[in-house]
Protein backbone atom coordinates (compact mmCIF):
# COMPACT_ATOMS: atom_id res chain seq x y z
CA MET A 1 7.49 125.99 103.44
CA PHE A 2 11.03 127.21 102.85
CA ARG A 3 10.50 130.31 104.97
CA TRP A 4 9.10 128.26 107.85
CA PHE A 5 12.27 126.15 108.03
CA GLU A 6 14.48 129.23 107.53
CA GLN A 7 12.90 130.85 110.59
CA ARG A 8 13.43 127.88 112.95
CA LEU A 9 16.93 128.95 114.02
CA ASN A 10 17.60 132.59 114.91
CA PRO A 11 20.87 133.71 113.24
CA PHE A 12 21.21 136.68 115.62
CA PRO A 13 20.78 135.46 119.23
CA ALA A 14 20.37 138.25 121.76
CA GLU A 15 22.41 136.86 124.66
CA GLU A 16 25.67 138.64 125.44
CA PRO A 17 28.69 136.68 124.11
CA VAL A 18 31.26 135.43 126.61
CA GLU A 19 34.84 134.23 126.20
CA PRO A 20 34.70 130.97 124.20
CA PRO A 21 36.55 127.81 125.36
CA LYS A 22 40.02 127.02 124.11
CA THR A 23 39.60 123.30 123.35
CA LEU A 24 38.19 122.07 120.04
CA LEU A 25 35.22 120.07 121.35
CA ALA A 26 34.21 122.67 123.94
CA PHE A 27 34.55 125.46 121.35
CA CYS A 28 32.26 123.66 118.88
CA LEU A 29 29.74 122.81 121.61
CA HIS A 30 29.79 126.43 122.83
CA TYR A 31 28.79 127.76 119.41
CA THR A 32 26.22 124.99 118.81
CA ARG A 33 24.05 125.99 121.77
CA GLY A 34 20.55 126.71 120.54
CA ALA A 35 21.06 124.64 117.37
CA TRP A 36 21.15 121.22 119.04
CA PRO A 37 17.46 120.28 118.49
CA TYR A 38 17.91 120.72 114.74
CA VAL A 39 21.29 118.95 114.68
CA ALA A 40 19.74 116.01 116.58
CA ALA A 41 16.76 115.87 114.18
CA ASP A 42 19.23 115.94 111.28
CA ALA A 43 21.06 112.94 112.83
CA VAL A 44 17.84 110.92 113.22
CA LEU A 45 16.80 111.57 109.62
CA ILE A 46 20.18 110.63 108.15
CA ALA A 47 20.13 107.39 110.16
CA ILE A 48 16.67 106.54 108.77
CA ILE A 49 17.92 107.22 105.23
CA ALA A 50 20.98 104.98 105.75
CA ILE A 51 18.89 102.12 107.17
CA THR A 52 16.40 102.36 104.30
CA GLU A 53 19.11 102.35 101.62
CA VAL A 54 20.81 99.26 103.08
CA TRP A 55 17.47 97.49 103.49
CA MET A 56 16.71 98.18 99.81
CA PHE A 57 19.82 96.19 98.84
CA GLY A 58 18.59 93.31 100.98
CA PHE A 59 15.18 93.50 99.32
CA LEU A 60 16.90 93.40 95.92
CA GLY A 61 18.39 90.04 96.88
CA ASN A 62 14.92 88.78 97.76
CA ILE A 63 13.63 89.87 94.35
CA VAL A 64 16.43 87.98 92.60
CA ASP A 65 15.63 84.84 94.60
CA TRP A 66 11.88 85.20 93.93
CA LEU A 67 12.44 85.62 90.20
CA SER A 68 14.72 82.58 90.04
CA GLN A 69 12.56 80.29 92.17
CA GLN A 70 8.85 81.23 91.86
CA ASN A 71 6.23 80.56 89.21
CA ARG A 72 5.46 83.49 86.93
CA ALA A 73 1.73 82.77 87.07
CA THR A 74 1.53 83.03 90.87
CA PHE A 75 4.36 85.54 91.46
CA LEU A 76 2.24 88.72 91.78
CA ALA A 77 -0.37 86.99 93.92
CA THR A 78 2.33 85.72 96.28
CA GLU A 79 4.75 88.69 96.42
CA GLY A 80 2.72 91.59 94.95
CA TRP A 81 1.92 93.22 98.32
CA LYS A 82 5.64 93.21 99.23
CA LEU A 83 6.51 94.87 95.93
CA ALA A 84 3.74 97.45 96.46
CA GLY A 85 5.12 98.19 99.93
CA MET A 86 8.60 98.62 98.52
CA ALA A 87 7.23 100.91 95.80
CA PHE A 88 5.56 103.05 98.48
CA ILE A 89 8.87 103.31 100.40
CA VAL A 90 10.84 104.15 97.25
CA LEU A 91 8.30 106.61 95.80
CA VAL A 92 6.89 108.26 98.93
CA ALA A 93 8.54 107.47 102.26
CA LEU A 94 12.22 107.76 101.28
CA PRO A 95 11.83 110.91 99.10
CA SER A 96 9.79 112.54 101.89
CA THR A 97 12.48 111.73 104.45
CA VAL A 98 15.23 113.01 102.13
CA LEU A 99 13.22 116.19 101.46
CA LEU A 100 12.68 116.79 105.18
CA HIS A 101 16.40 116.19 105.83
CA SER A 102 17.34 118.58 103.02
CA LEU A 103 14.99 121.29 104.32
CA LEU A 104 16.32 120.93 107.83
CA GLN A 105 19.95 120.95 106.71
CA HIS A 106 19.91 123.54 103.95
CA GLN A 107 17.16 125.91 105.09
CA THR A 108 17.59 125.70 108.88
CA LEU A 109 21.24 124.88 109.50
CA MET A 110 23.51 125.70 106.55
CA GLY A 111 22.88 129.46 106.58
CA ASN A 112 21.66 130.26 110.09
CA TYR A 113 24.15 128.12 112.00
CA PRO A 114 27.40 129.77 110.79
CA MET A 115 25.75 133.20 110.91
CA ARG A 116 25.00 132.65 114.61
CA ILE A 117 28.70 131.97 115.11
CA ARG A 118 29.79 135.04 113.10
CA TRP A 119 27.33 137.22 115.01
CA GLN A 120 28.49 136.03 118.43
CA VAL A 121 32.22 136.10 117.59
CA HIS A 122 31.93 139.55 115.99
CA ARG A 123 30.20 141.01 119.06
CA TYR A 124 32.81 139.40 121.30
CA LEU A 125 35.70 140.79 119.25
CA LEU A 126 34.16 144.28 119.08
CA LYS A 127 34.79 144.54 122.81
CA GLN A 128 38.35 143.23 122.64
CA SER A 129 41.07 145.51 123.92
CA MET A 130 42.98 147.98 121.77
CA THR A 131 46.08 145.81 122.25
CA PHE A 132 44.33 142.93 120.46
CA TYR A 133 43.76 145.03 117.33
CA GLN A 134 47.22 146.58 117.46
CA ASP A 135 48.80 143.10 117.35
CA GLU A 136 46.81 141.74 114.37
CA PHE A 137 45.97 142.57 110.75
CA ALA A 138 42.34 143.68 110.53
CA GLY A 139 41.96 141.55 107.38
CA ARG A 140 43.44 138.53 109.17
CA ILE A 141 40.95 138.85 112.04
CA ALA A 142 38.03 139.16 109.61
CA THR A 143 39.24 136.16 107.61
CA LYS A 144 39.53 134.00 110.71
CA LEU A 145 36.04 135.02 111.81
CA MET A 146 34.55 133.98 108.46
CA GLN A 147 36.63 130.79 108.12
CA THR A 148 36.04 129.61 111.67
CA ALA A 149 32.25 130.06 111.51
CA LEU A 150 32.01 127.87 108.40
CA ALA A 151 34.53 125.35 109.78
CA VAL A 152 32.57 124.85 113.03
CA ARG A 153 29.42 124.20 111.02
CA GLU A 154 31.21 121.71 108.79
CA CYS A 155 32.78 119.90 111.75
CA VAL A 156 29.48 119.44 113.55
CA VAL A 157 27.37 118.65 110.46
CA LYS A 158 29.93 116.23 109.00
CA LEU A 159 30.35 114.43 112.30
CA VAL A 160 26.59 114.06 112.63
CA ASP A 161 25.90 113.24 108.98
CA VAL A 162 28.95 111.32 107.79
CA LEU A 163 29.87 109.31 110.88
CA ASN A 164 26.24 108.62 111.74
CA TYR A 165 25.43 107.59 108.15
CA VAL A 166 28.57 105.48 107.84
CA ALA A 167 28.09 103.73 111.19
CA VAL A 168 24.47 102.84 110.42
CA TYR A 169 25.25 101.88 106.82
CA PHE A 170 28.22 99.65 107.67
CA LEU A 171 26.39 97.97 110.54
CA GLY A 172 23.38 97.27 108.31
CA MET A 173 25.66 96.00 105.56
CA LEU A 174 27.39 93.54 107.89
CA LEU A 175 24.05 92.28 109.18
CA ILE A 176 22.62 91.73 105.69
CA VAL A 177 25.76 90.07 104.32
CA GLY A 178 26.24 88.01 107.48
CA SER A 179 22.64 86.79 107.34
CA ALA A 180 23.48 85.00 104.08
CA ASP A 181 26.63 83.43 105.53
CA TRP A 182 28.82 84.87 108.26
CA ARG A 183 31.96 84.02 106.30
CA LEU A 184 30.93 86.51 103.58
CA ALA A 185 31.23 89.27 106.14
CA THR A 186 34.88 88.52 106.98
CA PRO A 187 36.32 90.37 103.94
CA LEU A 188 34.18 93.40 104.86
CA VAL A 189 35.46 93.33 108.43
CA ALA A 190 39.05 93.07 107.19
CA TRP A 191 38.44 95.89 104.71
CA LEU A 192 36.90 98.05 107.45
CA ALA A 193 39.96 97.51 109.68
CA ALA A 194 42.34 98.39 106.82
CA TYR A 195 40.21 101.39 105.86
CA ALA A 196 40.22 102.66 109.45
CA ALA A 197 44.02 102.23 109.54
CA LEU A 198 44.36 104.26 106.33
CA LEU A 199 42.24 107.06 107.75
CA ALA A 200 44.06 106.92 111.09
CA PHE A 201 47.38 107.36 109.29
CA PHE A 202 46.46 110.02 106.73
CA ILE A 203 43.68 112.11 108.28
CA PRO A 204 45.60 113.50 111.30
CA ARG A 205 48.40 114.50 108.95
CA LEU A 206 45.89 116.20 106.68
CA GLY A 207 44.45 117.95 109.73
CA LYS A 208 47.85 119.26 110.80
CA VAL A 209 48.57 120.57 107.31
CA ALA A 210 45.06 122.07 107.20
CA GLU A 211 45.70 123.99 110.42
CA GLU A 212 48.91 125.39 108.94
CA GLN A 213 47.02 126.12 105.72
CA ALA A 214 44.29 128.08 107.53
CA ASP A 215 46.92 130.21 109.27
CA ALA A 216 48.81 130.71 106.00
CA ARG A 217 45.57 131.69 104.23
CA SER A 218 44.70 134.31 106.86
CA LEU A 219 48.29 135.64 106.79
CA MET A 220 48.15 135.87 102.98
CA THR A 221 44.80 137.69 103.14
CA GLY A 222 46.07 140.00 105.87
CA ARG A 223 49.08 141.02 103.78
CA VAL A 224 46.92 141.75 100.74
CA VAL A 225 44.39 143.75 102.77
CA ASP A 226 47.21 145.67 104.49
CA SER A 227 48.50 146.82 101.09
CA TYR A 228 45.02 147.94 99.99
CA THR A 229 44.33 149.70 103.29
CA ASN A 230 47.56 151.70 102.98
CA ILE A 231 47.44 152.15 99.20
CA GLN A 232 48.24 155.86 99.41
CA THR A 233 51.48 155.15 101.26
CA VAL A 234 52.32 152.40 98.76
CA LYS A 235 51.93 154.80 95.86
CA LEU A 236 53.70 157.71 97.57
CA PHE A 237 56.81 155.59 98.04
CA SER A 238 56.44 153.79 94.67
CA HIS A 239 56.47 150.41 96.37
CA ALA A 240 53.98 148.43 94.26
CA ARG A 241 56.68 145.87 93.47
CA ARG A 242 57.72 145.68 97.11
CA GLU A 243 54.10 145.08 98.15
CA ALA A 244 53.70 142.47 95.42
CA SER A 245 56.77 140.67 96.77
CA TYR A 246 55.45 140.99 100.32
CA ALA A 247 52.14 139.41 99.24
CA GLN A 248 53.99 136.77 97.18
CA GLU A 249 55.82 135.59 100.29
CA GLY A 250 52.44 134.99 101.95
CA MET A 251 51.04 133.31 98.83
CA ALA A 252 54.13 131.08 98.52
CA GLY A 253 53.76 130.03 102.15
CA PHE A 254 50.12 129.17 101.48
CA MET A 255 51.01 127.19 98.33
CA ASP A 256 53.56 125.17 100.31
CA THR A 257 50.75 123.93 102.56
CA VAL A 258 48.58 123.23 99.49
CA TYR A 259 51.29 121.06 97.89
CA ARG A 260 51.83 119.08 101.10
CA SER A 261 48.09 118.56 101.49
CA MET A 262 47.64 117.36 97.91
CA ARG A 263 50.55 114.89 98.24
CA LEU A 264 48.80 113.28 101.18
CA VAL A 265 45.46 113.23 99.31
CA THR A 266 47.00 111.53 96.26
CA SER A 267 48.67 108.87 98.43
CA LEU A 268 45.43 108.24 100.32
CA TYR A 269 43.40 108.00 97.12
CA GLY A 270 45.81 105.48 95.55
CA CYS A 271 45.87 103.27 98.66
CA LEU A 272 42.09 103.37 98.99
CA TYR A 273 41.52 102.42 95.34
CA LEU A 274 43.79 99.40 95.74
CA LEU A 275 42.03 98.41 98.96
CA ASN A 276 38.60 98.61 97.28
CA SER A 277 39.81 96.52 94.34
CA ILE A 278 41.05 93.79 96.70
CA LEU A 279 37.70 93.82 98.54
CA LEU A 280 35.65 93.48 95.34
CA VAL A 281 37.71 90.57 94.01
CA SER A 282 37.79 88.74 97.35
CA VAL A 283 34.06 89.13 98.09
CA ALA A 284 33.01 88.27 94.51
CA SER A 285 35.26 85.18 94.49
CA LEU A 286 34.05 84.00 97.89
CA SER A 287 30.35 84.53 97.14
CA ILE A 288 30.59 82.72 93.76
CA TRP A 289 32.46 79.89 95.45
CA PHE A 290 29.71 79.57 98.07
CA TRP A 291 27.04 79.65 95.33
CA LEU A 292 28.78 76.88 93.44
CA ASN A 293 28.74 74.83 96.63
CA GLU A 294 25.06 75.73 97.23
CA VAL A 295 25.88 77.54 100.48
CA VAL A 296 24.21 80.83 99.42
CA THR A 297 21.49 81.77 96.95
CA ILE A 298 21.99 83.76 93.79
CA GLY A 299 20.12 86.61 95.48
CA ALA A 300 22.73 86.70 98.26
CA VAL A 301 25.50 86.89 95.63
CA ALA A 302 23.73 89.83 93.96
CA VAL A 303 23.29 91.63 97.31
CA VAL A 304 26.90 91.14 98.40
CA ILE A 305 28.42 92.26 95.11
CA GLY A 306 25.94 95.16 94.87
CA LEU A 307 26.81 96.34 98.39
CA VAL A 308 30.54 96.13 97.68
CA LEU A 309 30.13 98.19 94.51
CA ARG A 310 28.10 100.70 96.54
CA LEU A 311 30.84 100.67 99.18
CA TRP A 312 33.42 101.39 96.45
CA GLY A 313 31.89 104.79 95.75
CA LEU A 314 30.86 105.35 99.37
CA SER A 315 34.39 104.84 100.69
CA GLN A 316 35.75 107.54 98.40
CA TRP A 317 32.99 109.91 99.49
CA ILE A 318 33.80 109.14 103.13
CA MET A 319 37.50 109.76 102.44
CA TRP A 320 36.81 113.19 101.02
CA GLU A 321 34.34 114.02 103.79
CA MET A 322 36.80 112.92 106.48
CA SER A 323 39.60 114.88 104.81
CA ALA A 324 37.34 117.92 104.72
CA LEU A 325 36.37 117.29 108.36
CA PHE A 326 39.97 117.35 109.52
CA GLU A 327 40.76 120.35 107.34
CA ASN A 328 37.91 122.13 109.08
CA ILE A 329 39.16 120.91 112.45
CA GLY A 330 42.51 122.51 111.60
CA THR A 331 40.74 125.73 110.64
CA VAL A 332 38.77 125.76 113.89
CA GLN A 333 41.91 125.16 115.96
CA ASP A 334 43.63 128.02 114.15
CA GLY A 335 40.61 130.25 114.76
CA ILE A 336 40.53 129.36 118.46
CA ALA A 337 44.05 130.78 118.81
CA SER A 338 42.77 134.22 117.72
CA ILE A 339 39.18 134.18 118.99
CA SER A 340 39.37 132.43 122.38
CA LEU A 341 41.40 135.16 124.02
CA PRO A 342 40.36 136.94 127.20
CA ARG A 343 39.38 140.58 126.95
CA LEU A 344 42.10 142.54 128.69
CA VAL A 345 39.64 145.29 129.61
CA GLU A 346 36.31 143.99 130.93
CA ASP A 347 33.40 145.56 132.75
CA LYS A 348 33.37 144.46 136.38
CA PRO A 349 30.41 142.29 137.46
CA GLY A 350 27.57 144.61 138.42
CA ALA A 351 29.26 147.64 136.81
CA LYS A 352 27.00 150.69 136.91
CA GLU A 353 26.38 153.45 134.39
CA LEU A 354 28.62 156.49 134.76
CA VAL A 355 26.67 159.64 135.62
CA VAL A 356 28.51 162.91 134.93
CA SER A 357 26.93 165.92 136.60
CA HIS A 358 29.96 168.20 136.92
CA GLY A 359 32.93 166.73 135.03
CA ASP A 360 35.42 166.59 137.91
CA ILE A 361 38.37 164.36 136.95
CA ARG A 362 40.99 163.00 139.34
CA PHE A 363 44.03 160.87 138.50
CA GLU A 364 45.07 159.45 141.87
CA GLN A 365 48.64 158.11 142.03
CA ILE A 366 48.21 156.16 138.81
CA GLY A 367 50.85 153.84 137.39
CA PHE A 368 50.93 152.14 133.99
CA HIS A 369 53.83 150.46 132.19
CA TYR A 370 52.33 148.46 129.27
CA GLY A 371 53.20 145.27 131.15
CA LYS A 372 56.77 146.37 131.85
CA ARG A 373 58.06 146.90 135.34
CA LYS A 374 58.79 150.56 134.92
CA GLY A 375 58.49 153.52 132.59
CA VAL A 376 55.59 155.29 130.79
CA ILE A 377 53.59 156.62 133.79
CA GLU A 378 54.73 156.49 137.41
CA ASN A 379 52.75 157.61 140.48
CA LEU A 380 50.97 160.45 138.63
CA SER A 381 48.29 162.54 140.32
CA LEU A 382 46.26 165.24 138.59
CA HIS A 383 43.03 167.02 139.42
CA ILE A 384 40.99 168.71 136.70
CA ALA A 385 38.17 170.77 138.15
CA PRO A 386 34.67 170.82 136.60
CA GLY A 387 34.65 173.06 133.52
CA GLU A 388 38.42 173.56 133.61
CA LYS A 389 40.34 173.68 130.32
CA VAL A 390 43.69 171.93 130.68
CA GLY A 391 46.42 171.66 128.05
CA ILE A 392 48.82 168.68 128.18
CA VAL A 393 52.31 169.43 126.87
CA GLY A 394 55.40 167.29 126.46
CA ARG A 395 57.80 165.67 124.04
CA SER A 396 56.92 162.42 122.25
CA GLY A 397 57.07 159.55 124.70
CA ALA A 398 56.20 161.77 127.66
CA GLY A 399 52.94 159.86 128.27
CA LYS A 400 50.33 162.36 127.00
CA SER A 401 48.41 159.97 124.78
CA THR A 402 48.73 157.19 127.33
CA LEU A 403 47.11 159.44 129.93
CA VAL A 404 44.14 160.03 127.62
CA ASN A 405 43.90 156.32 126.73
CA LEU A 406 43.76 155.46 130.42
CA LEU A 407 40.99 158.02 130.97
CA LEU A 408 39.06 156.38 128.12
CA ARG A 409 39.88 153.02 129.71
CA PHE A 410 41.42 151.55 126.59
CA TYR A 411 43.79 149.99 129.12
CA ASP A 412 43.37 149.15 132.80
CA LEU A 413 45.60 150.84 135.35
CA GLU A 414 48.31 148.86 137.07
CA SER A 415 48.07 151.01 140.19
CA GLY A 416 46.04 153.94 141.49
CA ARG A 417 42.65 154.96 140.16
CA ILE A 418 40.88 157.50 137.94
CA VAL A 419 37.73 159.10 139.31
CA ILE A 420 35.06 161.14 137.50
CA ASP A 421 32.61 162.93 139.77
CA GLY A 422 33.54 160.55 142.58
CA GLN A 423 33.04 157.41 140.47
CA ASP A 424 35.98 155.07 139.84
CA ILE A 425 35.98 154.48 136.08
CA ALA A 426 37.12 150.86 136.66
CA LEU A 427 33.75 150.19 138.33
CA VAL A 428 31.46 151.63 135.62
CA THR A 429 30.60 150.26 132.18
CA GLN A 430 32.98 151.16 129.38
CA ASP A 431 30.14 152.21 127.08
CA SER A 432 28.73 154.67 129.62
CA LEU A 433 32.23 156.07 130.29
CA ARG A 434 32.98 156.74 126.63
CA ALA A 435 29.48 158.08 126.05
CA GLN A 436 30.37 160.93 128.41
CA ILE A 437 33.60 161.80 126.58
CA GLY A 438 33.91 163.46 123.20
CA MET A 439 37.25 163.25 121.43
CA VAL A 440 38.74 164.75 118.28
CA THR A 441 42.03 163.18 117.24
CA GLN A 442 44.75 164.30 114.88
CA ASP A 443 44.53 161.09 112.84
CA THR A 444 40.86 161.17 111.95
CA SER A 445 39.34 157.96 110.63
CA LEU A 446 35.87 157.89 109.11
CA LEU A 447 33.67 154.89 108.45
CA HIS A 448 33.20 153.75 104.84
CA ARG A 449 29.61 155.02 104.91
CA SER A 450 27.74 158.19 104.08
CA VAL A 451 28.57 161.61 105.49
CA ARG A 452 25.22 161.44 107.29
CA ASP A 453 26.12 158.13 108.97
CA ASN A 454 29.52 159.48 110.03
CA VAL A 455 28.13 162.66 111.60
CA LEU A 456 25.21 160.87 113.27
CA TYR A 457 27.70 158.40 114.75
CA GLY A 458 28.12 161.01 117.47
CA ARG A 459 24.42 160.87 118.31
CA PRO A 460 22.39 158.33 116.32
CA ASP A 461 19.02 159.57 117.58
CA ALA A 462 19.59 163.16 116.38
CA GLY A 463 17.50 164.42 113.49
CA ASP A 464 18.61 166.15 110.31
CA GLU A 465 18.17 169.57 111.85
CA LEU A 466 20.68 168.96 114.64
CA MET A 467 23.04 167.19 112.22
CA ILE A 468 23.05 170.12 109.78
CA GLU A 469 23.56 172.58 112.64
CA ALA A 470 26.60 170.58 113.81
CA THR A 471 28.15 170.52 110.32
CA ARG A 472 27.45 174.25 109.94
CA ARG A 473 29.28 174.98 113.18
CA ALA A 474 32.16 172.82 111.93
CA GLU A 475 32.36 174.91 108.73
CA SER A 476 31.72 171.83 106.56
CA ASN A 477 28.34 172.43 104.88
CA ASP A 478 29.88 174.02 101.78
CA PHE A 479 32.05 171.08 100.80
CA ILE A 480 29.45 168.48 101.86
CA GLY A 481 26.97 169.98 99.40
CA SER A 482 29.38 169.40 96.51
CA LEU A 483 30.23 165.77 97.35
CA THR A 484 29.28 162.92 95.00
CA ASP A 485 30.27 159.25 94.86
CA PRO A 486 30.50 156.70 91.98
CA LYS A 487 26.94 155.51 92.65
CA GLY A 488 25.49 158.98 92.16
CA ARG A 489 24.81 159.72 95.82
CA LYS A 490 25.27 163.38 96.72
CA GLY A 491 25.75 165.62 99.73
CA PHE A 492 25.06 163.96 103.06
CA ASP A 493 24.27 160.66 101.28
CA ALA A 494 27.66 160.48 99.51
CA HIS A 495 29.98 157.76 100.81
CA VAL A 496 33.43 158.88 101.96
CA GLY A 497 35.48 155.75 101.15
CA GLU A 498 37.48 153.52 103.49
CA ARG A 499 38.75 155.58 106.44
CA GLY A 500 37.42 158.65 104.59
CA VAL A 501 40.04 158.54 101.81
CA LYS A 502 37.78 160.43 99.36
CA LEU A 503 38.01 163.54 101.55
CA SER A 504 40.98 165.78 102.22
CA GLY A 505 42.57 165.73 105.66
CA GLY A 506 40.88 169.02 106.56
CA GLN A 507 37.49 167.79 105.37
CA ARG A 508 37.81 164.61 107.41
CA GLN A 509 38.76 166.67 110.43
CA ARG A 510 35.75 168.94 110.08
CA ILE A 511 33.41 165.92 109.79
CA ALA A 512 35.01 164.53 112.95
CA ILE A 513 34.57 167.86 114.75
CA ALA A 514 30.91 167.99 113.66
CA ARG A 515 30.45 164.47 115.01
CA VAL A 516 31.82 165.48 118.41
CA MET A 517 29.78 168.68 118.42
CA LEU A 518 26.65 166.60 117.84
CA LYS A 519 27.62 164.19 120.62
CA ASP A 520 27.88 167.14 123.04
CA ALA A 521 29.52 165.12 125.83
CA PRO A 522 30.35 166.87 129.15
CA ILE A 523 34.04 165.92 128.89
CA LEU A 524 36.00 166.89 125.78
CA ILE A 525 39.41 165.63 124.67
CA MET A 526 41.20 167.28 121.77
CA ASP A 527 44.39 165.78 120.39
CA GLU A 528 45.67 168.33 117.84
CA ALA A 529 42.02 168.84 116.84
CA THR A 530 42.78 171.51 114.22
CA SER A 531 46.15 170.28 112.99
CA ALA A 532 44.77 169.16 109.59
CA LEU A 533 43.01 172.48 108.91
CA ASP A 534 44.45 175.35 106.93
CA SER A 535 44.79 178.71 108.72
CA GLU A 536 41.66 180.26 107.18
CA VAL A 537 39.38 177.33 108.09
CA GLU A 538 41.02 176.99 111.52
CA ALA A 539 40.31 180.65 112.25
CA ALA A 540 36.69 180.20 111.15
CA ILE A 541 36.16 177.10 113.25
CA GLN A 542 38.15 178.16 116.32
CA GLU A 543 35.30 180.29 117.65
CA ASN A 544 32.91 177.34 117.39
CA LEU A 545 35.43 175.09 119.14
CA TYR A 546 35.63 177.55 122.02
CA ARG A 547 31.83 177.59 122.08
CA LEU A 548 31.88 173.78 122.15
CA MET A 549 34.19 173.90 125.18
CA GLU A 550 31.81 176.08 127.18
CA GLY A 551 30.55 174.31 130.26
CA LYS A 552 32.74 171.26 129.58
CA THR A 553 35.81 169.83 131.20
CA VAL A 554 38.47 169.95 128.48
CA ILE A 555 41.78 168.13 128.03
CA ALA A 556 43.76 169.32 125.01
CA ILE A 557 46.98 167.75 123.76
CA ALA A 558 49.02 169.86 121.38
CA HIS A 559 52.49 170.09 119.91
CA ARG A 560 51.60 173.47 118.47
CA LEU A 561 51.76 175.35 121.75
CA SER A 562 50.05 178.45 120.40
CA THR A 563 46.78 176.49 120.12
CA ILE A 564 46.63 175.76 123.87
CA ALA A 565 48.39 178.79 125.33
CA ALA A 566 45.03 180.31 126.30
CA MET A 567 43.94 177.27 128.36
CA ASP A 568 43.12 177.75 132.05
CA ARG A 569 46.09 175.63 133.01
CA LEU A 570 48.95 173.86 131.24
CA VAL A 571 50.37 170.56 132.49
CA VAL A 572 53.87 169.65 131.33
CA MET A 573 54.73 165.95 131.26
CA ASP A 574 58.14 164.34 130.97
CA LYS A 575 58.90 160.61 131.17
CA GLY A 576 55.47 159.77 132.56
CA ARG A 577 55.47 162.41 135.30
CA ILE A 578 54.05 165.88 135.72
CA VAL A 579 57.00 168.23 135.99
CA GLU A 580 55.32 171.64 135.67
CA GLU A 581 51.85 173.18 136.01
CA GLY A 582 50.49 176.68 135.56
CA THR A 583 49.31 179.26 133.04
CA HIS A 584 51.25 179.97 129.88
CA ASP A 585 52.66 183.24 131.22
CA ALA A 586 53.64 181.72 134.56
CA LEU A 587 55.41 178.77 132.94
CA VAL A 588 57.31 180.97 130.48
CA ALA A 589 58.39 183.19 133.36
CA ARG A 590 59.55 180.16 135.36
CA GLY A 591 62.13 179.32 132.69
CA GLY A 592 61.66 175.53 132.96
CA ILE A 593 60.92 172.85 130.37
CA TYR A 594 57.84 174.63 129.00
CA ALA A 595 59.79 177.85 128.51
CA GLN A 596 62.47 175.92 126.63
CA LEU A 597 59.83 174.30 124.42
CA TRP A 598 58.19 177.67 123.77
CA GLN A 599 61.51 179.23 122.79
CA ARG A 600 62.19 176.40 120.36
CA GLN A 601 58.90 176.92 118.51
CA SER A 602 59.23 177.42 114.78
CA GLY A 603 56.17 178.69 112.96
CA GLY A 604 54.02 177.71 115.94
CA PHE A 605 55.10 174.03 115.96
CA LEU A 606 57.09 172.26 118.60
CA LEU A 607 60.46 171.01 117.38
CA GLU A 608 60.91 167.97 119.58
CA ASP A 609 64.05 166.16 120.54
CA ALA A 610 64.41 162.82 118.81
CA PRO A 611 62.45 160.50 121.10
CA ASP A 612 63.87 157.38 122.62
CA ALA A 613 62.69 154.22 120.77
CA GLU A 614 61.26 152.75 123.97
CA GLU A 615 59.34 155.96 124.66
CA VAL A 616 57.79 155.90 121.18
CA ALA A 617 56.76 152.27 121.64
CA ALA A 618 55.23 153.10 125.00
CA GLU A 619 53.42 156.16 123.61
């Protein structure tokens, strides 16, 4: 039974996520698609429960009147069938309805509904631009994803359950009390107006504080996660106290919102308790007065006072539910600010798969300025022939990494176009583009998974034989065999830690090289691919790297000029432009910028001029 209800709503819908709306109602409706039949059924059931509970109070009044007016000898014969019917409702019908409502809410909605939201938001954010992730804490993004999913569920479920239940319950209460004497309903109407005024005053203020609290919570979490992510840097500079203070600032900001929220809650609770006390006294006094004047029966007095006492507890529950509702509304609004953002780099409608048969690359009068009007790359044209090995040289801020990022389409061009084998990369899918490019970077980051998972990331469908061959060619089998982790996993099954922190820089680099070797893409980009390797390992792996380059179009970025001197052609960049091209010997003989850089080498590394701050930011 439980499993059947758990399988009614698919937590992982297959449809491709699109940019969500930016308004609260539209955002909640967007992420409730597919769940509406179950939300509607939940609303119907809660309404039935509310009607039944109110009707039971009315029936209680009838019982009191029957007991006070009828003969004991004939009571069961006269009213027995009504009591049996009520017993059936209390023992069978109402528990069955409550059970069905509970199954629908807890088995179908409570788990699956927010997971659908997490799944869709996560897939949408995975395809966000690099700029999006550069501008946010990773921990902050993850926190907002988790918070927002739960908050949307709570907003929708509380609106359906609480408001629906309250509306039906209050309406039924007024009808039952008014049926005894309409004047008995006047204190309830007055109380309802005062109660609505209290909520109207306090709840929006609680919602505003809740929105600030959600942002403060994600900021606090982001600061803590940032310290843990960069724990090596923290320890190297002995800044544990500094990081504690940094986190404390975030925690103090969060506590400020907590204090303001609790002040409002205390004020609301005190006002509500006073309001309920006034209602009880006024209704009890009025009903007793009417009974003394034989306007109402004793059963009506019992019903009215019983309903008011029930309302006493119900009003406090509603207060907390409404407070929670507006807190969740604040959380959703805060989440919208981070989630409902357009993707800066999107596949064009009808984008085709990139097919690389030769590996011919053309940069045709491209311009890119990171949103500025000038700088970075201006009117650059470059042709890299199929199978050609090209080294890109230049000081920091020259535009080398930007050029590679544009080829990978991490950013869209502002002018010109980039063409691979005659296909404009802006018109093909991003996944197919990057599937045709292998890249080894200087700052290698591994997934917090096993060595096997990290190597197979280059080609998930490869078997163990191909994986082991790739790691052998990357000179990494020896150290992989000796790896263990705290859970006793060894070798290829050992986990490498977050970003690969359990491995040395050289070991991480060799895993990354093995991953690219396994991918075997026709276009290869190397950004200081061997910079983290010691001389002995670099010499051992260099031959395999050259073998990897065979038959591929290669772009290599290096500050250590000796590593790219043997390339077919060297391209020298300066301030976003190509200023020199040619072989190593030809460029040295020319006596230009490259020759100056070569002469300033020390131990094989390029000693660069101190870069301009704007150039570094652009790079």
